[in-house]
PDB file of all heavy atoms in Angstrom:
ATOM      1  N   PHE A   1     113.002  80.596  92.441  1.00  0.00           N
ATOM      2  CA  PHE A   1     112.135  79.905  91.476  1.00  0.00           C
ATOM      3  C   PHE A   1     110.929  80.765  91.171  1.00  0.00           C
ATOM      4  O   PHE A   1     110.538  80.773  90.018  1.00  0.00           O
ATOM      5  CB  PHE A   1     111.643  78.545  92.102  1.00  0.00           C
ATOM      6  CG  PHE A   1     110.998  77.793  91.105  1.00  0.00           C
ATOM      7  CD1 PHE A   1     111.583  76.905  90.153  1.00  0.00           C
ATOM      8  CD2 PHE A   1     109.579  77.587  91.164  1.00  0.00           C
ATOM      9  CE1 PHE A   1     110.925  76.173  89.291  1.00  0.00           C
ATOM     10  CE2 PHE A   1     108.893  76.862  90.318  1.00  0.00           C
ATOM     11  CZ  PHE A   1     109.553  76.107  89.359  1.00  0.00           C
ATOM     12  N   ALA A   2     110.357  81.531  92.088  1.00  0.00           N
ATOM     13  CA  ALA A   2     109.272  82.377  91.805  1.00  0.00           C
ATOM     14  C   ALA A   2     109.716  83.533  90.787  1.00  0.00           C
ATOM     15  O   ALA A   2     108.983  83.929  89.883  1.00  0.00           O
ATOM     16  CB  ALA A   2     108.783  83.096  93.098  1.00  0.00           C
ATOM     17  N   THR A   3     110.983  84.071  90.979  1.00  0.00           N
ATOM     18  CA  THR A   3     111.461  85.051  89.996  1.00  0.00           C
ATOM     19  C   THR A   3     111.633  84.451  88.605  1.00  0.00           C
ATOM     20  O   THR A   3     111.327  85.104  87.641  1.00  0.00           O
ATOM     21  CB  THR A   3     112.829  85.642  90.539  1.00  0.00           C
ATOM     22  OG1 THR A   3     112.611  86.209  91.832  1.00  0.00           O
ATOM     23  CG2 THR A   3     113.383  86.685  89.614  1.00  0.00           C
ATOM     24  N   ARG A   4     112.123  83.195  88.574  1.00  0.00           N
ATOM     25  CA  ARG A   4     112.280  82.565  87.232  1.00  0.00           C
ATOM     26  C   ARG A   4     110.883  82.319  86.595  1.00  0.00           C
ATOM     27  O   ARG A   4     110.776  82.483  85.407  1.00  0.00           O
ATOM     28  CB  ARG A   4     113.031  81.264  87.403  1.00  0.00           C
ATOM     29  CG  ARG A   4     114.415  81.409  87.988  1.00  0.00           C
ATOM     30  CD  ARG A   4     115.176  82.512  87.442  1.00  0.00           C
ATOM     31  NE  ARG A   4     116.471  82.606  87.909  1.00  0.00           N
ATOM     32  CZ  ARG A   4     117.298  83.680  87.821  1.00  0.00           C
ATOM     33  NH1 ARG A   4     116.869  84.731  87.200  1.00  0.00           N
ATOM     34  NH2 ARG A   4     118.516  83.651  88.271  1.00  0.00           N
ATOM     35  N   LEU A   5     109.912  81.941  87.451  1.00  0.00           N
ATOM     36  CA  LEU A   5     108.575  81.812  86.929  1.00  0.00           C
ATOM     37  C   LEU A   5     108.076  83.154  86.257  1.00  0.00           C
ATOM     38  O   LEU A   5     107.489  83.218  85.210  1.00  0.00           O
ATOM     39  CB  LEU A   5     107.695  81.383  88.071  1.00  0.00           C
ATOM     40  CG  LEU A   5     106.178  81.291  87.686  1.00  0.00           C
ATOM     41  CD1 LEU A   5     105.939  80.401  86.397  1.00  0.00           C
ATOM     42  CD2 LEU A   5     105.384  80.742  88.957  1.00  0.00           C
ATOM     43  N   ARG A   6     108.237  84.237  87.076  1.00  0.00           N
ATOM     44  CA  ARG A   6     107.834  85.600  86.588  1.00  0.00           C
ATOM     45  C   ARG A   6     108.538  85.915  85.247  1.00  0.00           C
ATOM     46  O   ARG A   6     107.960  86.615  84.403  1.00  0.00           O
ATOM     47  CB  ARG A   6     107.974  86.636  87.602  1.00  0.00           C
ATOM     48  CG  ARG A   6     106.985  86.469  88.722  1.00  0.00           C
ATOM     49  CD  ARG A   6     107.016  87.768  89.712  1.00  0.00           C
ATOM     50  NE  ARG A   6     108.315  87.874  90.428  1.00  0.00           N
ATOM     51  CZ  ARG A   6     109.125  88.798  90.178  1.00  0.00           C
ATOM     52  NH1 ARG A   6     108.888  89.758  89.324  1.00  0.00           N
ATOM     53  NH2 ARG A   6     110.263  88.938  90.974  1.00  0.00           N
ATOM     54  N   LYS A   7     109.866  85.544  85.217  1.00  0.00           N
ATOM     55  CA  LYS A   7     110.600  85.830  84.019  1.00  0.00           C
ATOM     56  C   LYS A   7     110.038  85.138  82.798  1.00  0.00           C
ATOM     57  O   LYS A   7     109.932  85.714  81.685  1.00  0.00           O
ATOM     58  CB  LYS A   7     112.049  85.322  84.217  1.00  0.00           C
ATOM     59  CG  LYS A   7     112.919  85.584  82.939  1.00  0.00           C
ATOM     60  CD  LYS A   7     114.337  85.093  83.202  1.00  0.00           C
ATOM     61  CE  LYS A   7     115.145  85.965  84.069  1.00  0.00           C
ATOM     62  NZ  LYS A   7     116.595  85.662  84.018  1.00  0.00           N
ATOM     63  N   VAL A   8     109.614  83.877  82.926  1.00  0.00           N
ATOM     64  CA  VAL A   8     108.947  83.204  81.837  1.00  0.00           C
ATOM     65  C   VAL A   8     107.653  83.835  81.443  1.00  0.00           C
ATOM     66  O   VAL A   8     107.295  83.990  80.300  1.00  0.00           O
ATOM     67  CB  VAL A   8     108.761  81.686  82.210  1.00  0.00           C
ATOM     68  CG1 VAL A   8     108.021  80.949  81.100  1.00  0.00           C
ATOM     69  CG2 VAL A   8     110.103  80.918  82.483  1.00  0.00           C
ATOM     70  N   LEU A   9     106.831  84.149  82.566  1.00  0.00           N
ATOM     71  CA  LEU A   9     105.533  84.708  82.171  1.00  0.00           C
ATOM     72  C   LEU A   9     105.602  86.089  81.575  1.00  0.00           C
ATOM     73  O   LEU A   9     104.768  86.416  80.649  1.00  0.00           O
ATOM     74  CB  LEU A   9     104.690  84.814  83.553  1.00  0.00           C
ATOM     75  CG  LEU A   9     104.367  83.553  84.153  1.00  0.00           C
ATOM     76  CD1 LEU A   9     103.649  83.764  85.535  1.00  0.00           C
ATOM     77  CD2 LEU A   9     103.449  82.621  83.270  1.00  0.00           C
ATOM     78  N   THR A  10     106.630  86.909  81.924  1.00  0.00           N
ATOM     79  CA  THR A  10     106.768  88.218  81.320  1.00  0.00           C
ATOM     80  C   THR A  10     107.533  88.169  80.080  1.00  0.00           C
ATOM     81  O   THR A  10     107.531  89.190  79.382  1.00  0.00           O
ATOM     82  CB  THR A  10     107.449  89.183  82.327  1.00  0.00           C
ATOM     83  OG1 THR A  10     108.658  88.634  82.707  1.00  0.00           O
ATOM     84  CG2 THR A  10     106.621  89.379  83.609  1.00  0.00           C
ATOM     85  N   LYS A  11     108.287  87.091  79.818  1.00  0.00           N
ATOM     86  CA  LYS A  11     109.171  86.984  78.673  1.00  0.00           C
ATOM     87  C   LYS A  11     110.231  88.089  78.624  1.00  0.00           C
ATOM     88  O   LYS A  11     110.585  88.592  77.642  1.00  0.00           O
ATOM     89  CB  LYS A  11     108.357  87.049  77.381  1.00  0.00           C
ATOM     90  CG  LYS A  11     107.315  85.933  77.278  1.00  0.00           C
ATOM     91  CD  LYS A  11     106.552  85.969  75.927  1.00  0.00           C
ATOM     92  CE  LYS A  11     105.503  84.855  75.850  1.00  0.00           C
ATOM     93  NZ  LYS A  11     104.784  84.872  74.540  1.00  0.00           N
ATOM     94  N   LYS A  12     110.728  88.531  79.781  1.00  0.00           N
ATOM     95  CA  LYS A  12     111.715  89.545  79.944  1.00  0.00           C
ATOM     96  C   LYS A  12     112.834  88.995  80.779  1.00  0.00           C
ATOM     97  O   LYS A  12     112.671  88.528  81.885  1.00  0.00           O
ATOM     98  CB  LYS A  12     111.120  90.800  80.615  1.00  0.00           C
ATOM     99  CG  LYS A  12     109.987  91.459  79.861  1.00  0.00           C
ATOM    100  CD  LYS A  12     109.604  92.789  80.612  1.00  0.00           C
ATOM    101  CE  LYS A  12     108.547  93.473  79.764  1.00  0.00           C
ATOM    102  NZ  LYS A  12     108.071  94.670  80.609  1.00  0.00           N
ATOM    103  N   GLU A  13     113.999  89.135  80.223  1.00  0.00           N
ATOM    104  CA  GLU A  13     115.212  88.619  80.861  1.00  0.00           C
ATOM    105  C   GLU A  13     115.593  89.485  82.006  1.00  0.00           C
ATOM    106  O   GLU A  13     116.388  89.134  82.888  1.00  0.00           O
ATOM    107  CB  GLU A  13     116.426  88.547  79.870  1.00  0.00           C
ATOM    108  CG  GLU A  13     117.610  87.777  80.374  1.00  0.00           C
ATOM    109  CD  GLU A  13     118.650  87.640  79.291  1.00  0.00           C
ATOM    110  OE1 GLU A  13     118.374  87.987  78.171  1.00  0.00           O
ATOM    111  OE2 GLU A  13     119.706  87.049  79.647  1.00  0.00           O
ATOM    112  N   THR A  14     115.015  90.743  82.034  1.00  0.00           N
ATOM    113  CA  THR A  14     115.419  91.736  83.115  1.00  0.00           C
ATOM    114  C   THR A  14     114.538  91.702  84.250  1.00  0.00           C
ATOM    115  O   THR A  14     114.630  92.647  85.006  1.00  0.00           O
ATOM    116  CB  THR A  14     115.395  93.122  82.402  1.00  0.00           C
ATOM    117  OG1 THR A  14     114.143  93.426  81.811  1.00  0.00           O
ATOM    118  CG2 THR A  14     116.430  93.268  81.336  1.00  0.00           C
ATOM    119  N   THR A  15     113.745  90.701  84.419  1.00  0.00           N
ATOM    120  CA  THR A  15     112.863  90.569  85.587  1.00  0.00           C
ATOM    121  C   THR A  15     113.750  90.643  86.829  1.00  0.00           C
ATOM    122  O   THR A  15     114.659  89.848  87.025  1.00  0.00           O
ATOM    123  CB  THR A  15     112.030  89.261  85.495  1.00  0.00           C
ATOM    124  OG1 THR A  15     111.281  89.224  84.356  1.00  0.00           O
ATOM    125  CG2 THR A  15     111.116  89.149  86.769  1.00  0.00           C
ATOM    126  N   ILE A  16     113.267  91.475  87.802  1.00  0.00           N
ATOM    127  CA  ILE A  16     114.070  91.729  89.004  1.00  0.00           C
ATOM    128  C   ILE A  16     113.613  90.791  90.099  1.00  0.00           C
ATOM    129  O   ILE A  16     112.475  90.544  90.360  1.00  0.00           O
ATOM    130  CB  ILE A  16     113.943  93.169  89.414  1.00  0.00           C
ATOM    131  CG1 ILE A  16     114.384  94.173  88.300  1.00  0.00           C
ATOM    132  CG2 ILE A  16     114.760  93.437  90.713  1.00  0.00           C
ATOM    133  CD1 ILE A  16     115.822  93.892  87.878  1.00  0.00           C
ATOM    134  N   HIS A  17     114.570  90.235  90.853  1.00  0.00           N
ATOM    135  CA  HIS A  17     114.332  89.405  91.965  1.00  0.00           C
ATOM    136  C   HIS A  17     113.801  90.288  93.055  1.00  0.00           C
ATOM    137  O   HIS A  17     114.382  91.384  93.392  1.00  0.00           O
ATOM    138  CB  HIS A  17     115.514  88.588  92.403  1.00  0.00           C
ATOM    139  CG  HIS A  17     115.373  87.760  93.628  1.00  0.00           C
ATOM    140  ND1 HIS A  17     114.579  86.636  93.502  1.00  0.00           N
ATOM    141  CD2 HIS A  17     115.709  87.917  94.811  1.00  0.00           C
ATOM    142  CE1 HIS A  17     114.621  86.018  94.689  1.00  0.00           C
ATOM    143  NE2 HIS A  17     115.305  86.700  95.530  1.00  0.00           N
ATOM    144  N   MET A  18     112.777  89.855  93.877  1.00  0.00           N
ATOM    145  CA  MET A  18     112.222  90.590  94.967  1.00  0.00           C
ATOM    146  C   MET A  18     113.130  90.573  96.140  1.00  0.00           C
ATOM    147  O   MET A  18     113.500  89.511  96.562  1.00  0.00           O
ATOM    148  CB  MET A  18     110.902  90.214  95.285  1.00  0.00           C
ATOM    149  CG  MET A  18     109.806  90.437  94.278  1.00  0.00           C
ATOM    150  SD  MET A  18     108.201  89.924  94.859  1.00  0.00           S
ATOM    151  CE  MET A  18     107.936  91.123  96.151  1.00  0.00           C
ATOM    152  N   PRO A  19     113.626  91.751  96.673  1.00  0.00           N
ATOM    153  CA  PRO A  19     114.541  91.660  97.809  1.00  0.00           C
ATOM    154  C   PRO A  19     113.800  91.148  99.067  1.00  0.00           C
ATOM    155  O   PRO A  19     112.584  91.325  99.253  1.00  0.00           O
ATOM    156  CB  PRO A  19     114.994  93.140  97.993  1.00  0.00           C
ATOM    157  CG  PRO A  19     113.774  93.898  97.378  1.00  0.00           C
ATOM    158  CD  PRO A  19     113.269  93.117  96.237  1.00  0.00           C
ATOM    159  N   ARG A  20     114.620  90.551  99.928  1.00  0.00           N
ATOM    160  CA  ARG A  20     114.064  90.047 101.279  1.00  0.00           C
ATOM    161  C   ARG A  20     114.154  91.282 102.195  1.00  0.00           C
ATOM    162  O   ARG A  20     115.268  91.520 102.815  1.00  0.00           O
ATOM    163  CB  ARG A  20     114.786  88.834 101.691  1.00  0.00           C
ATOM    164  CG  ARG A  20     114.317  88.310 103.105  1.00  0.00           C
ATOM    165  CD  ARG A  20     114.956  87.006 103.449  1.00  0.00           C
ATOM    166  NE  ARG A  20     116.456  87.299 103.571  1.00  0.00           N
ATOM    167  CZ  ARG A  20     116.986  87.384 104.668  1.00  0.00           C
ATOM    168  NH1 ARG A  20     116.403  87.404 105.857  1.00  0.00           N
ATOM    169  NH2 ARG A  20     118.382  87.564 104.696  1.00  0.00           N
ATOM    170  N   THR A  21     113.117  91.931 102.406  1.00  0.00           N
ATOM    171  CA  THR A  21     113.125  93.036 103.349  1.00  0.00           C
ATOM    172  C   THR A  21     112.273  92.777 104.571  1.00  0.00           C
ATOM    173  O   THR A  21     112.373  93.544 105.622  1.00  0.00           O
ATOM    174  CB  THR A  21     112.577  94.353 102.694  1.00  0.00           C
ATOM    175  OG1 THR A  21     111.269  94.073 102.236  1.00  0.00           O
ATOM    176  CG2 THR A  21     113.501  94.772 101.490  1.00  0.00           C
ATOM    177  N   GLN A  22     111.477  91.718 104.603  1.00  0.00           N
ATOM    178  CA  GLN A  22     110.649  91.392 105.829  1.00  0.00           C
ATOM    179  C   GLN A  22     111.323  90.588 106.744  1.00  0.00           C
ATOM    180  O   GLN A  22     110.996  89.410 106.816  1.00  0.00           O
ATOM    181  CB  GLN A  22     109.324  90.779 105.345  1.00  0.00           C
ATOM    182  CG  GLN A  22     108.527  91.555 104.367  1.00  0.00           C
ATOM    183  CD  GLN A  22     108.938  91.399 102.885  1.00  0.00           C
ATOM    184  OE1 GLN A  22     109.919  90.564 102.629  1.00  0.00           O
ATOM    185  NE2 GLN A  22     108.244  92.073 101.964  1.00  0.00           N
ATOM    186  N   TYR A  23     112.285  91.175 107.497  1.00  0.00           N
ATOM    187  CA  TYR A  23     112.998  90.388 108.563  1.00  0.00           C
ATOM    188  C   TYR A  23     113.384  91.347 109.654  1.00  0.00           C
ATOM    189  O   TYR A  23     113.287  92.599 109.497  1.00  0.00           O
ATOM    190  CB  TYR A  23     114.267  89.721 108.013  1.00  0.00           C
ATOM    191  CG  TYR A  23     115.341  90.740 107.557  1.00  0.00           C
ATOM    192  CD1 TYR A  23     116.319  91.137 108.448  1.00  0.00           C
ATOM    193  CD2 TYR A  23     115.355  91.172 106.238  1.00  0.00           C
ATOM    194  CE1 TYR A  23     117.317  92.085 108.047  1.00  0.00           C
ATOM    195  CE2 TYR A  23     116.354  92.075 105.862  1.00  0.00           C
ATOM    196  CZ  TYR A  23     117.275  92.541 106.768  1.00  0.00           C
ATOM    197  OH  TYR A  23     118.197  93.449 106.339  1.00  0.00           O
ATOM    198  N   THR A  24     113.554  90.803 110.851  1.00  0.00           N
ATOM    199  CA  THR A  24     113.869  91.715 111.964  1.00  0.00           C
ATOM    200  C   THR A  24     115.371  92.074 111.972  1.00  0.00           C
ATOM    201  O   THR A  24     116.236  91.201 111.970  1.00  0.00           O
ATOM    202  CB  THR A  24     113.483  90.931 113.314  1.00  0.00           C
ATOM    203  OG1 THR A  24     112.252  90.425 113.250  1.00  0.00           O
ATOM    204  CG2 THR A  24     113.734  91.837 114.448  1.00  0.00           C
ATOM    205  N   SER A  25     115.607  93.344 111.808  1.00  0.00           N
ATOM    206  CA  SER A  25     116.930  93.902 111.681  1.00  0.00           C
ATOM    207  C   SER A  25     117.698  93.861 112.999  1.00  0.00           C
ATOM    208  O   SER A  25     117.113  93.760 114.119  1.00  0.00           O
ATOM    209  CB  SER A  25     116.894  95.306 111.151  1.00  0.00           C
ATOM    210  OG  SER A  25     116.290  96.177 112.054  1.00  0.00           O
ATOM    211  N   GLU A  26     118.945  94.048 112.955  1.00  0.00           N
ATOM    212  CA  GLU A  26     119.843  94.106 114.090  1.00  0.00           C
ATOM    213  C   GLU A  26     119.375  95.367 114.989  1.00  0.00           C
ATOM    214  O   GLU A  26     119.379  95.280 116.239  1.00  0.00           O
ATOM    215  CB  GLU A  26     121.285  94.122 113.744  1.00  0.00           C
ATOM    216  CG  GLU A  26     121.964  92.991 113.262  1.00  0.00           C
ATOM    217  CD  GLU A  26     121.587  92.654 111.802  1.00  0.00           C
ATOM    218  OE1 GLU A  26     120.948  93.598 111.151  1.00  0.00           O
ATOM    219  OE2 GLU A  26     121.960  91.580 111.258  1.00  0.00           O
ATOM    220  N   SER A  27     119.153  96.413 114.363  1.00  0.00           N
ATOM    221  CA  SER A  27     118.816  97.617 115.166  1.00  0.00           C
ATOM    222  C   SER A  27     117.483  97.434 115.862  1.00  0.00           C
ATOM    223  O   SER A  27     117.362  97.911 117.017  1.00  0.00           O
ATOM    224  CB  SER A  27     118.623  98.822 114.134  1.00  0.00           C
ATOM    225  OG  SER A  27     117.599  98.548 113.229  1.00  0.00           O
ATOM    226  N   THR A  28     116.550  96.665 115.323  1.00  0.00           N
ATOM    227  CA  THR A  28     115.332  96.382 116.038  1.00  0.00           C
ATOM    228  C   THR A  28     115.537  95.503 117.221  1.00  0.00           C
ATOM    229  O   THR A  28     114.999  95.663 118.269  1.00  0.00           O
ATOM    230  CB  THR A  28     114.296  95.808 115.105  1.00  0.00           C
ATOM    231  OG1 THR A  28     113.993  96.684 113.925  1.00  0.00           O
ATOM    232  CG2 THR A  28     112.977  95.418 115.781  1.00  0.00           C
ATOM    233  N   LEU A  29     116.347  94.486 117.026  1.00  0.00           N
ATOM    234  CA  LEU A  29     116.711  93.560 118.120  1.00  0.00           C
ATOM    235  C   LEU A  29     117.424  94.261 119.248  1.00  0.00           C
ATOM    236  O   LEU A  29     117.163  94.004 120.421  1.00  0.00           O
ATOM    237  CB  LEU A  29     117.618  92.463 117.540  1.00  0.00           C
ATOM    238  CG  LEU A  29     116.943  91.440 116.612  1.00  0.00           C
ATOM    239  CD1 LEU A  29     118.015  90.467 116.130  1.00  0.00           C
ATOM    240  CD2 LEU A  29     115.799  90.674 117.280  1.00  0.00           C
ATOM    241  N   MET A  30     118.299  95.266 118.906  1.00  0.00           N
ATOM    242  CA  MET A  30     118.993  96.000 119.991  1.00  0.00           C
ATOM    243  C   MET A  30     118.006  96.879 120.807  1.00  0.00           C
ATOM    244  O   MET A  30     118.188  97.116 121.966  1.00  0.00           O
ATOM    245  CB  MET A  30     120.111  96.797 119.395  1.00  0.00           C
ATOM    246  CG  MET A  30     121.260  96.064 118.906  1.00  0.00           C
ATOM    247  SD  MET A  30     122.030  95.121 120.171  1.00  0.00           S
ATOM    248  CE  MET A  30     121.384  93.395 119.864  1.00  0.00           C
ATOM    249  N   LYS A  31     116.914  97.359 120.099  1.00  0.00           N
ATOM    250  CA  LYS A  31     115.983  98.210 120.859  1.00  0.00           C
ATOM    251  C   LYS A  31     115.191  97.286 121.923  1.00  0.00           C
ATOM    252  O   LYS A  31     114.785  97.941 122.955  1.00  0.00           O
ATOM    253  CB  LYS A  31     114.952  98.767 119.868  1.00  0.00           C
ATOM    254  CG  LYS A  31     115.570  99.784 119.048  1.00  0.00           C
ATOM    255  CD  LYS A  31     114.539 100.356 118.000  1.00  0.00           C
ATOM    256  CE  LYS A  31     115.179 101.472 117.091  1.00  0.00           C
ATOM    257  NZ  LYS A  31     114.137 101.948 116.180  1.00  0.00           N
ATOM    258  N   ILE A  32     114.949  96.126 121.596  1.00  0.00           N
ATOM    259  CA  ILE A  32     114.169  95.308 122.613  1.00  0.00           C
ATOM    260  C   ILE A  32     115.080  94.558 123.494  1.00  0.00           C
ATOM    261  O   ILE A  32     114.643  93.766 124.388  1.00  0.00           O
ATOM    262  CB  ILE A  32     113.242  94.270 121.880  1.00  0.00           C
ATOM    263  CG1 ILE A  32     114.130  93.256 121.069  1.00  0.00           C
ATOM    264  CG2 ILE A  32     112.306  94.951 120.992  1.00  0.00           C
ATOM    265  CD1 ILE A  32     113.269  92.174 120.382  1.00  0.00           C
ATOM    266  N   ARG A  33     116.435  94.653 123.438  1.00  0.00           N
ATOM    267  CA  ARG A  33     117.279  93.966 124.303  1.00  0.00           C
ATOM    268  C   ARG A  33     117.146  94.608 125.718  1.00  0.00           C
ATOM    269  O   ARG A  33     117.214  95.848 125.884  1.00  0.00           O
ATOM    270  CB  ARG A  33     118.758  94.102 123.804  1.00  0.00           C
ATOM    271  CG  ARG A  33     119.782  93.485 124.728  1.00  0.00           C
ATOM    272  CD  ARG A  33     121.223  93.565 124.132  1.00  0.00           C
ATOM    273  NE  ARG A  33     122.147  93.067 125.169  1.00  0.00           N
ATOM    274  CZ  ARG A  33     122.887  93.816 125.957  1.00  0.00           C
ATOM    275  NH1 ARG A  33     122.655  95.100 125.928  1.00  0.00           N
ATOM    276  NH2 ARG A  33     123.834  93.230 126.792  1.00  0.00           N
ATOM    277  N   ASP A  34     117.006  93.721 126.718  1.00  0.00           N
ATOM    278  CA  ASP A  34     116.826  94.168 128.022  1.00  0.00           C
ATOM    279  C   ASP A  34     117.730  93.288 128.970  1.00  0.00           C
ATOM    280  O   ASP A  34     117.399  92.191 129.287  1.00  0.00           O
ATOM    281  CB  ASP A  34     115.409  93.996 128.560  1.00  0.00           C
ATOM    282  CG  ASP A  34     115.071  94.502 129.942  1.00  0.00           C
ATOM    283  OD1 ASP A  34     116.076  95.073 130.474  1.00  0.00           O
ATOM    284  OD2 ASP A  34     114.109  94.237 130.444  1.00  0.00           O
ATOM    285  N   PRO A  35     118.939  93.803 129.353  1.00  0.00           N
ATOM    286  CA  PRO A  35     119.898  93.043 130.126  1.00  0.00           C
ATOM    287  C   PRO A  35     119.232  92.698 131.472  1.00  0.00           C
ATOM    288  O   PRO A  35     119.697  91.660 132.144  1.00  0.00           O
ATOM    289  CB  PRO A  35     121.113  94.025 130.378  1.00  0.00           C
ATOM    290  CG  PRO A  35     121.020  94.965 129.224  1.00  0.00           C
ATOM    291  CD  PRO A  35     119.522  95.141 128.947  1.00  0.00           C
ATOM    292  N   ALA A  36     118.171  93.392 131.922  1.00  0.00           N
ATOM    293  CA  ALA A  36     117.620  93.031 133.198  1.00  0.00           C
ATOM    294  C   ALA A  36     116.331  92.234 133.094  1.00  0.00           C
ATOM    295  O   ALA A  36     115.551  92.136 133.937  1.00  0.00           O
ATOM    296  CB  ALA A  36     117.260  94.376 133.984  1.00  0.00           C
ATOM    297  N   ILE A  37     116.261  91.548 131.934  1.00  0.00           N
ATOM    298  CA  ILE A  37     115.055  90.761 131.692  1.00  0.00           C
ATOM    299  C   ILE A  37     114.919  89.652 132.793  1.00  0.00           C
ATOM    300  O   ILE A  37     115.919  89.006 133.179  1.00  0.00           O
ATOM    301  CB  ILE A  37     115.073  90.205 130.277  1.00  0.00           C
ATOM    302  CG1 ILE A  37     113.708  89.436 129.972  1.00  0.00           C
ATOM    303  CG2 ILE A  37     116.159  89.193 130.102  1.00  0.00           C
ATOM    304  CD1 ILE A  37     113.551  88.970 128.595  1.00  0.00           C
ATOM    305  N   GLU A  38     113.708  89.435 133.307  1.00  0.00           N
ATOM    306  CA  GLU A  38     113.472  88.488 134.351  1.00  0.00           C
ATOM    307  C   GLU A  38     113.151  87.140 133.764  1.00  0.00           C
ATOM    308  O   GLU A  38     112.446  86.969 132.721  1.00  0.00           O
ATOM    309  CB  GLU A  38     112.471  88.990 135.354  1.00  0.00           C
ATOM    310  CG  GLU A  38     112.869  90.169 136.058  1.00  0.00           C
ATOM    311  CD  GLU A  38     111.782  90.616 137.033  1.00  0.00           C
ATOM    312  OE1 GLU A  38     110.745  89.965 137.032  1.00  0.00           O
ATOM    313  OE2 GLU A  38     112.055  91.626 137.771  1.00  0.00           O
ATOM    314  N   TRP A  39     113.515  85.960 134.489  1.00  0.00           N
ATOM    315  CA  TRP A  39     113.011  84.739 134.148  1.00  0.00           C
ATOM    316  C   TRP A  39     111.493  84.654 134.355  1.00  0.00           C
ATOM    317  O   TRP A  39     110.951  85.296 135.275  1.00  0.00           O
ATOM    318  CB  TRP A  39     113.697  83.648 135.010  1.00  0.00           C
ATOM    319  CG  TRP A  39     115.159  83.443 134.656  1.00  0.00           C
ATOM    320  CD1 TRP A  39     116.132  84.326 134.563  1.00  0.00           C
ATOM    321  CD2 TRP A  39     115.663  82.150 134.406  1.00  0.00           C
ATOM    322  NE1 TRP A  39     117.340  83.733 134.258  1.00  0.00           N
ATOM    323  CE2 TRP A  39     117.091  82.350 134.057  1.00  0.00           C
ATOM    324  CE3 TRP A  39     115.301  80.829 134.319  1.00  0.00           C
ATOM    325  CZ2 TRP A  39     118.002  81.405 133.828  1.00  0.00           C
ATOM    326  CZ3 TRP A  39     116.089  79.777 134.075  1.00  0.00           C
ATOM    327  CH2 TRP A  39     117.461  80.056 133.789  1.00  0.00           C
ATOM    328  N   PRO A  40     110.807  83.937 133.607  1.00  0.00           N
ATOM    329  CA  PRO A  40     109.299  83.691 133.939  1.00  0.00           C
ATOM    330  C   PRO A  40     109.156  82.922 135.231  1.00  0.00           C
ATOM    331  O   PRO A  40     110.124  82.374 135.628  1.00  0.00           O
ATOM    332  CB  PRO A  40     108.822  82.913 132.681  1.00  0.00           C
ATOM    333  CG  PRO A  40     110.038  82.124 132.152  1.00  0.00           C
ATOM    334  CD  PRO A  40     111.225  83.027 132.473  1.00  0.00           C
ATOM    335  N   SER A  41     107.966  82.925 135.686  1.00  0.00           N
ATOM    336  CA  SER A  41     107.659  82.161 136.849  1.00  0.00           C
ATOM    337  C   SER A  41     107.884  80.638 136.492  1.00  0.00           C
ATOM    338  O   SER A  41     107.876  80.243 135.370  1.00  0.00           O
ATOM    339  CB  SER A  41     106.216  82.328 137.365  1.00  0.00           C
ATOM    340  OG  SER A  41     105.375  81.790 136.331  1.00  0.00           O
TER     341      SER A  41
END
């Protein structure tokens, strides 16, 4: 909906949708994986 709003405001049919890049990737998750992680107290 935000992209459609920008399309109306710019009056350009070629308005580009912003990609979702702000997420935790699989490679990042694998880096913090710790099979020996301990239970909390």
